[in-house]
Protein backbone atom coordinates (compact mmCIF):
# COMPACT_ATOMS: atom_id res chain seq x y z
CA MET A 1 73.73 159.65 53.24
CA ALA A 2 76.47 158.75 50.77
CA LYS A 3 75.94 159.48 47.10
CA ALA A 4 75.48 156.37 44.95
CA LYS A 5 78.12 155.76 42.31
CA SER A 6 77.04 155.95 38.70
CA ASP A 7 76.58 152.90 36.51
CA SER A 8 79.57 154.03 34.43
CA ASN A 9 81.82 154.15 37.50
CA MET A 10 80.72 150.70 38.61
CA MET A 11 81.16 149.22 35.12
CA GLY A 12 84.54 150.93 34.79
CA ALA A 13 85.66 149.13 37.94
CA VAL A 14 84.13 145.84 36.77
CA ALA A 15 86.28 146.10 33.62
CA TYR A 16 89.24 145.13 35.81
CA VAL A 17 87.64 142.39 37.94
CA PHE A 18 88.72 139.44 35.79
CA GLY A 19 91.43 141.35 33.96
CA TRP A 20 91.45 141.24 30.18
CA LEU A 21 88.41 138.93 30.10
CA THR A 22 86.00 141.45 31.67
CA GLY A 23 87.76 144.13 29.65
CA ILE A 24 86.84 142.39 26.40
CA ILE A 25 83.26 141.74 27.54
CA LEU A 26 82.64 145.35 28.56
CA PHE A 27 84.41 146.71 25.49
CA VAL A 28 81.79 144.92 23.38
CA VAL A 29 78.76 145.40 25.64
CA LYS A 30 79.30 149.03 26.71
CA LYS A 31 80.52 150.41 23.38
CA ASP A 32 78.46 153.60 23.79
CA ASP A 33 80.02 154.59 27.14
CA PRO A 34 83.44 156.23 26.61
CA PHE A 35 84.39 156.00 30.32
CA VAL A 36 83.71 152.25 30.52
CA LYS A 37 85.28 151.66 27.12
CA PHE A 38 88.48 153.45 28.23
CA HIS A 39 88.80 151.28 31.33
CA ALA A 40 87.95 148.15 29.35
CA VAL A 41 90.73 148.84 26.83
CA GLN A 42 93.21 149.71 29.57
CA SER A 43 92.31 146.45 31.34
CA ILE A 44 92.79 144.44 28.15
CA ILE A 45 96.21 145.97 27.50
CA VAL A 46 97.54 145.87 31.08
CA PHE A 47 96.29 142.50 32.22
CA GLY A 48 96.69 140.90 28.82
CA GLY A 49 100.31 142.05 29.03
CA PHE A 50 100.68 140.59 32.52
CA THR A 51 99.24 137.30 31.26
CA VAL A 52 101.72 137.12 28.38
CA LEU A 53 104.60 138.19 30.64
CA THR A 54 103.70 135.47 33.15
CA MET A 55 103.62 132.81 30.42
CA VAL A 56 107.02 133.90 29.11
CA LEU A 57 108.59 134.09 32.57
CA THR A 58 107.50 130.56 33.48
CA MET A 59 109.85 129.25 30.79
CA THR A 60 113.01 130.16 32.74
CA ILE A 61 114.30 129.67 36.28
CA VAL A 62 115.02 133.38 36.68
CA GLY A 63 111.54 134.16 35.39
CA ILE A 64 109.96 131.82 37.90
CA LEU A 65 111.82 133.64 40.67
CA LEU A 66 110.39 136.96 39.43
CA LEU A 67 106.79 135.73 39.35
CA PRO A 68 105.99 136.61 42.99
CA ILE A 69 107.16 140.20 42.41
CA ILE A 70 105.12 140.44 39.20
CA GLY A 71 102.14 138.93 41.02
CA VAL A 72 102.25 141.48 43.84
CA ALA A 73 102.71 144.36 41.40
CA SER A 74 99.78 143.25 39.26
CA PHE A 75 97.59 142.77 42.35
CA VAL A 76 98.34 146.27 43.65
CA LEU A 77 97.77 147.75 40.18
CA TRP A 78 94.52 145.78 39.86
CA LEU A 79 93.21 147.23 43.15
CA LEU A 80 94.33 150.76 42.26
CA LEU A 81 92.71 150.71 38.81
CA MET A 82 89.41 149.33 40.13
CA TRP A 83 89.34 151.95 42.88
CA LYS A 84 90.13 154.84 40.53
CA ALA A 85 87.44 153.74 38.05
CA TYR A 86 84.90 153.32 40.85
CA GLN A 87 85.69 156.86 42.01
CA GLY A 88 84.94 158.11 38.49
CA GLU A 89 88.53 158.91 37.63
CA LYS A 90 89.89 158.26 34.17
CA TYR A 91 93.25 157.18 35.58
CA LYS A 92 95.72 156.85 32.72
CA LEU A 93 98.73 154.64 33.16
CA PRO A 94 101.88 155.82 31.34
CA MET A 95 101.79 154.82 27.65
CA VAL A 96 98.98 152.32 28.21
CA GLY A 97 96.52 155.09 29.08
CA ASN A 98 97.22 156.88 25.79
CA TRP A 99 96.64 153.65 23.84
CA ALA A 100 93.43 153.04 25.78
CA GLU A 101 92.21 156.55 24.95
CA LYS A 102 93.02 156.03 21.29
CA TYR A 103 91.16 152.70 21.00
CA ALA A 104 88.26 153.70 23.26
CA LYS A 105 87.02 156.33 20.81
């Protein structure tokens, strides 16, 4: 029988489900769980950044052409980060992971 995942692992994965929105919610609600808080902050930074980048890119023709590439990259990253959190791994993205660690304390 497979071992059940912990609540922290599940909530860490949920931090990415609706990007920065679930990140903000879990950052506030799960403030006593460092693992969840780390993933919540990383979600806020990464997917908040993708949201801003998408808004900026839609203002130019070249940017609009890049949107499908950005969309695929963010989707793959979204799946990877949810999977890593669900597995109980504190997967740190370059630079962003260090910021997340700093603000998750």
